[in-house]
Amino acid sequence: MYKARANKHCKGLTFKPGDLVWLHLRKERFPSRGRNKLVLRGNGPFKVLEKVNNNAYMLELPANMGVFPTFNIGDLTPYLTPYLEDEDDGDD
């Protein structure tokens, strides 16, 4: 009973290979980024390469990041493409 109530707000996120995600840059994982409050907290979008298990995904990262490309789902947010209006009014 308590577990159902505690998890009521949780969303079941799943990603497929090829999906784009934002990566949350935690201080513990990226210590070289510094502790300044103006430093970006997220980076991306990155492409999901594969699902390792229910909680972990492997991302396609640039070589200069220097970290292992597997991340917990708690560090990932779906990338939503910006809405672009069609320039054609259809008044032809």
N, C-alpha and C. Protein backbone atom coordinates (compact mmCIF):
# COMPACT_ATOMS: atom_id res chain seq x y z
N MET A 1 0.82 -1.19 0.00
CA MET A 1 0.00 0.00 0.00
C MET A 1 0.86 1.26 0.00
N TYR A 2 1.86 1.28 0.88
CA TYR A 2 2.71 2.47 0.96
C TYR A 2 3.56 2.64 -0.28
N LYS A 3 4.04 1.52 -0.84
CA LYS A 3 4.89 1.60 -2.02
C LYS A 3 4.11 2.16 -3.21
N ALA A 4 2.87 1.75 -3.35
CA ALA A 4 2.05 2.25 -4.46
C ALA A 4 1.83 3.75 -4.31
N ARG A 5 1.62 4.21 -3.12
CA ARG A 5 1.41 5.63 -2.89
C ARG A 5 2.69 6.43 -3.09
N ALA A 6 3.83 5.86 -2.67
CA ALA A 6 5.11 6.55 -2.81
C ALA A 6 5.53 6.66 -4.28
N ASN A 7 5.19 5.68 -5.09
CA ASN A 7 5.59 5.68 -6.49
C ASN A 7 4.53 6.25 -7.42
N LYS A 8 3.51 6.85 -6.86
CA LYS A 8 2.41 7.38 -7.67
C LYS A 8 2.88 8.47 -8.63
N HIS A 9 3.83 9.30 -8.21
CA HIS A 9 4.33 10.40 -9.03
C HIS A 9 5.42 9.98 -10.01
N CYS A 10 5.95 8.77 -9.89
CA CYS A 10 7.04 8.32 -10.75
C CYS A 10 6.55 7.99 -12.15
N LYS A 11 7.33 8.40 -13.14
CA LYS A 11 7.03 8.07 -14.53
C LYS A 11 7.92 6.93 -14.96
N GLY A 12 7.37 5.99 -15.66
CA GLY A 12 8.16 4.89 -16.17
C GLY A 12 8.81 5.29 -17.49
N LEU A 13 10.03 5.82 -17.42
CA LEU A 13 10.74 6.23 -18.62
C LEU A 13 11.45 5.04 -19.24
N THR A 14 11.32 4.91 -20.54
CA THR A 14 12.10 3.94 -21.29
C THR A 14 12.53 4.61 -22.58
N PHE A 15 13.69 4.25 -23.04
CA PHE A 15 14.23 4.80 -24.28
C PHE A 15 14.55 3.65 -25.22
N LYS A 16 14.48 3.93 -26.50
CA LYS A 16 14.83 2.95 -27.52
C LYS A 16 16.14 3.39 -28.17
N PRO A 17 16.89 2.46 -28.75
CA PRO A 17 18.09 2.87 -29.48
C PRO A 17 17.71 3.86 -30.59
N GLY A 18 18.47 4.95 -30.65
CA GLY A 18 18.19 6.00 -31.62
C GLY A 18 17.49 7.20 -31.03
N ASP A 19 16.88 7.06 -29.83
CA ASP A 19 16.24 8.19 -29.17
C ASP A 19 17.29 9.21 -28.73
N LEU A 20 16.88 10.47 -28.66
CA LEU A 20 17.78 11.53 -28.19
C LEU A 20 17.43 11.88 -26.75
N VAL A 21 18.46 12.08 -25.93
CA VAL A 21 18.26 12.38 -24.51
C VAL A 21 19.20 13.49 -24.07
N TRP A 22 18.80 14.20 -23.02
CA TRP A 22 19.67 15.14 -22.31
C TRP A 22 20.35 14.38 -21.19
N LEU A 23 21.59 14.72 -20.92
CA LEU A 23 22.37 14.07 -19.86
C LEU A 23 22.59 15.06 -18.73
N HIS A 24 22.19 14.66 -17.51
CA HIS A 24 22.41 15.49 -16.32
C HIS A 24 23.85 15.30 -15.86
N LEU A 25 24.59 16.39 -15.75
CA LEU A 25 26.01 16.33 -15.38
C LEU A 25 26.15 16.45 -13.87
N ARG A 26 26.28 15.34 -13.21
CA ARG A 26 26.44 15.33 -11.74
C ARG A 26 27.88 15.68 -11.37
N LYS A 27 28.02 16.35 -10.24
CA LYS A 27 29.35 16.76 -9.78
C LYS A 27 30.24 15.55 -9.50
N GLU A 28 29.63 14.47 -9.02
CA GLU A 28 30.42 13.28 -8.69
C GLU A 28 30.98 12.62 -9.94
N ARG A 29 30.24 12.69 -11.03
CA ARG A 29 30.66 12.01 -12.26
C ARG A 29 31.59 12.88 -13.11
N PHE A 30 31.42 14.20 -13.02
CA PHE A 30 32.22 15.14 -13.80
C PHE A 30 32.89 16.15 -12.88
N PRO A 31 33.88 15.74 -12.07
CA PRO A 31 34.49 16.67 -11.11
C PRO A 31 35.30 17.78 -11.77
N SER A 32 35.75 17.58 -13.00
CA SER A 32 36.57 18.60 -13.65
C SER A 32 35.75 19.80 -14.11
N ARG A 33 34.44 19.70 -14.09
CA ARG A 33 33.58 20.79 -14.55
C ARG A 33 33.52 21.94 -13.55
N GLY A 34 33.98 21.74 -12.34
CA GLY A 34 33.97 22.80 -11.33
C GLY A 34 32.67 22.83 -10.56
N ARG A 35 32.60 23.73 -9.60
CA ARG A 35 31.44 23.80 -8.71
C ARG A 35 30.69 25.12 -8.85
N ASN A 36 30.93 25.83 -9.93
CA ASN A 36 30.29 27.12 -10.13
C ASN A 36 28.81 26.95 -10.43
N LYS A 37 27.97 27.80 -9.88
CA LYS A 37 26.53 27.67 -10.10
C LYS A 37 26.13 28.06 -11.52
N LEU A 38 27.02 28.69 -12.26
CA LEU A 38 26.71 29.09 -13.63
C LEU A 38 27.09 28.04 -14.67
N VAL A 39 27.73 26.97 -14.23
CA VAL A 39 28.12 25.90 -15.14
C VAL A 39 26.87 25.13 -15.55
N LEU A 40 26.79 24.73 -16.80
CA LEU A 40 25.64 23.98 -17.29
C LEU A 40 25.44 22.70 -16.49
N ARG A 41 24.18 22.37 -16.20
CA ARG A 41 23.86 21.15 -15.48
C ARG A 41 23.50 20.01 -16.42
N GLY A 42 23.28 20.33 -17.68
CA GLY A 42 22.89 19.31 -18.64
C GLY A 42 23.69 19.47 -19.91
N ASN A 43 23.71 18.41 -20.69
CA ASN A 43 24.44 18.43 -21.94
C ASN A 43 23.71 17.52 -22.91
N GLY A 44 23.82 17.84 -24.18
CA GLY A 44 23.18 16.97 -25.15
C GLY A 44 22.64 17.75 -26.31
N PRO A 45 21.84 17.17 -27.10
CA PRO A 45 21.29 15.82 -26.97
C PRO A 45 22.27 14.75 -27.43
N PHE A 46 22.15 13.58 -26.82
CA PHE A 46 22.96 12.42 -27.18
C PHE A 46 22.04 11.30 -27.62
N LYS A 47 22.56 10.47 -28.52
CA LYS A 47 21.77 9.36 -29.04
C LYS A 47 21.96 8.13 -28.16
N VAL A 48 20.85 7.44 -27.87
CA VAL A 48 20.90 6.19 -27.12
C VAL A 48 21.37 5.09 -28.06
N LEU A 49 22.44 4.40 -27.67
CA LEU A 49 22.96 3.30 -28.48
C LEU A 49 22.29 1.98 -28.14
N GLU A 50 22.18 1.70 -26.83
CA GLU A 50 21.54 0.45 -26.42
C GLU A 50 21.06 0.53 -24.98
N LYS A 51 20.11 -0.34 -24.68
CA LYS A 51 19.59 -0.47 -23.32
C LYS A 51 20.39 -1.57 -22.63
N VAL A 52 21.09 -1.22 -21.55
CA VAL A 52 21.90 -2.19 -20.83
C VAL A 52 21.01 -3.03 -19.92
N ASN A 53 20.15 -2.38 -19.16
CA ASN A 53 19.13 -3.04 -18.35
C ASN A 53 18.01 -2.03 -18.09
N ASN A 54 17.10 -2.31 -17.17
CA ASN A 54 15.97 -1.40 -16.93
C ASN A 54 16.38 -0.04 -16.41
N ASN A 55 17.56 0.06 -15.81
CA ASN A 55 18.01 1.32 -15.21
C ASN A 55 19.17 1.97 -15.93
N ALA A 56 19.76 1.35 -16.92
CA ALA A 56 20.98 1.89 -17.53
C ALA A 56 20.90 1.87 -19.05
N TYR A 57 21.46 2.92 -19.62
CA TYR A 57 21.51 3.06 -21.08
C TYR A 57 22.91 3.49 -21.50
N MET A 58 23.33 3.03 -22.68
CA MET A 58 24.62 3.43 -23.23
C MET A 58 24.36 4.53 -24.26
N LEU A 59 25.12 5.62 -24.15
CA LEU A 59 24.95 6.78 -25.02
C LEU A 59 26.13 6.94 -25.96
N GLU A 60 25.88 7.60 -27.07
CA GLU A 60 26.94 7.94 -28.01
C GLU A 60 27.51 9.30 -27.59
N LEU A 61 28.68 9.27 -26.95
CA LEU A 61 29.31 10.48 -26.41
C LEU A 61 30.51 10.88 -27.26
N PRO A 62 30.84 12.18 -27.27
CA PRO A 62 32.08 12.59 -27.94
C PRO A 62 33.29 12.08 -27.16
N ALA A 63 34.38 11.88 -27.86
CA ALA A 63 35.59 11.31 -27.24
C ALA A 63 36.19 12.23 -26.18
N ASN A 64 35.98 13.54 -26.30
CA ASN A 64 36.60 14.47 -25.35
C ASN A 64 35.93 14.49 -23.98
N MET A 65 34.81 13.79 -23.79
CA MET A 65 34.17 13.76 -22.46
C MET A 65 34.95 12.90 -21.49
N GLY A 66 35.59 11.84 -21.98
CA GLY A 66 36.47 11.03 -21.15
C GLY A 66 35.78 10.25 -20.05
N VAL A 67 34.54 9.83 -20.24
CA VAL A 67 33.83 9.03 -19.25
C VAL A 67 33.24 7.80 -19.93
N PHE A 68 32.93 6.80 -19.13
CA PHE A 68 32.29 5.60 -19.64
C PHE A 68 30.88 5.95 -20.10
N PRO A 69 30.42 5.47 -21.24
CA PRO A 69 29.17 5.95 -21.83
C PRO A 69 27.88 5.35 -21.27
N THR A 70 27.93 4.59 -20.18
CA THR A 70 26.73 4.02 -19.60
C THR A 70 26.25 4.89 -18.44
N PHE A 71 24.94 5.24 -18.48
CA PHE A 71 24.38 6.15 -17.48
C PHE A 71 23.07 5.59 -16.91
N ASN A 72 22.82 5.94 -15.66
CA ASN A 72 21.57 5.58 -15.00
C ASN A 72 20.43 6.38 -15.61
N ILE A 73 19.24 5.82 -15.61
CA ILE A 73 18.08 6.49 -16.18
C ILE A 73 17.74 7.77 -15.41
N GLY A 74 18.16 7.87 -14.16
CA GLY A 74 17.94 9.07 -13.37
C GLY A 74 18.71 10.28 -13.89
N ASP A 75 19.76 10.03 -14.66
CA ASP A 75 20.57 11.10 -15.24
C ASP A 75 20.11 11.51 -16.63
N LEU A 76 19.09 10.85 -17.16
CA LEU A 76 18.63 11.10 -18.52
C LEU A 76 17.25 11.72 -18.55
N THR A 77 17.06 12.64 -19.49
CA THR A 77 15.77 13.29 -19.71
C THR A 77 15.48 13.23 -21.20
N PRO A 78 14.24 12.93 -21.58
CA PRO A 78 13.93 12.88 -23.02
C PRO A 78 14.19 14.23 -23.68
N TYR A 79 14.75 14.19 -24.87
CA TYR A 79 14.99 15.40 -25.66
C TYR A 79 13.77 15.63 -26.52
N LEU A 80 13.16 16.77 -26.35
CA LEU A 80 11.99 17.14 -27.13
C LEU A 80 12.42 18.11 -28.21
N THR A 81 12.18 17.77 -29.45
CA THR A 81 12.57 18.65 -30.55
C THR A 81 11.70 19.90 -30.51
N PRO A 82 12.29 21.04 -30.80
CA PRO A 82 11.51 22.28 -30.79
C PRO A 82 10.45 22.25 -31.88
N TYR A 83 9.31 22.81 -31.57
CA TYR A 83 8.20 22.86 -32.51
C TYR A 83 8.48 23.95 -33.54
N LEU A 84 8.51 23.56 -34.78
CA LEU A 84 8.74 24.51 -35.86
C LEU A 84 7.46 24.65 -36.67
N GLU A 85 6.97 25.87 -36.79
CA GLU A 85 5.76 26.10 -37.55
C GLU A 85 6.06 25.98 -39.04
N ASP A 86 5.10 25.47 -39.77
CA ASP A 86 5.24 25.37 -41.21
C ASP A 86 5.06 26.75 -41.81
N GLU A 87 6.01 27.15 -42.65
CA GLU A 87 5.98 28.48 -43.24
C GLU A 87 4.88 28.63 -44.28
N ASP A 88 4.40 27.52 -44.80
CA ASP A 88 3.36 27.55 -45.83
C ASP A 88 2.00 27.72 -45.18
N ASP A 89 1.28 28.79 -45.56
CA ASP A 89 -0.05 29.04 -45.00
C ASP A 89 -1.12 28.17 -45.64
N GLY A 90 -0.85 27.66 -46.81
CA GLY A 90 -1.83 26.88 -47.50
C GLY A 90 -2.82 27.74 -48.27
N ASP A 91 -2.51 29.02 -48.50
CA ASP A 91 -3.39 29.95 -49.20
C ASP A 91 -3.10 29.98 -50.69
N ASP A 92 -2.55 28.93 -51.25
CA ASP A 92 -2.19 28.92 -52.67
C ASP A 92 -3.39 28.89 -53.55
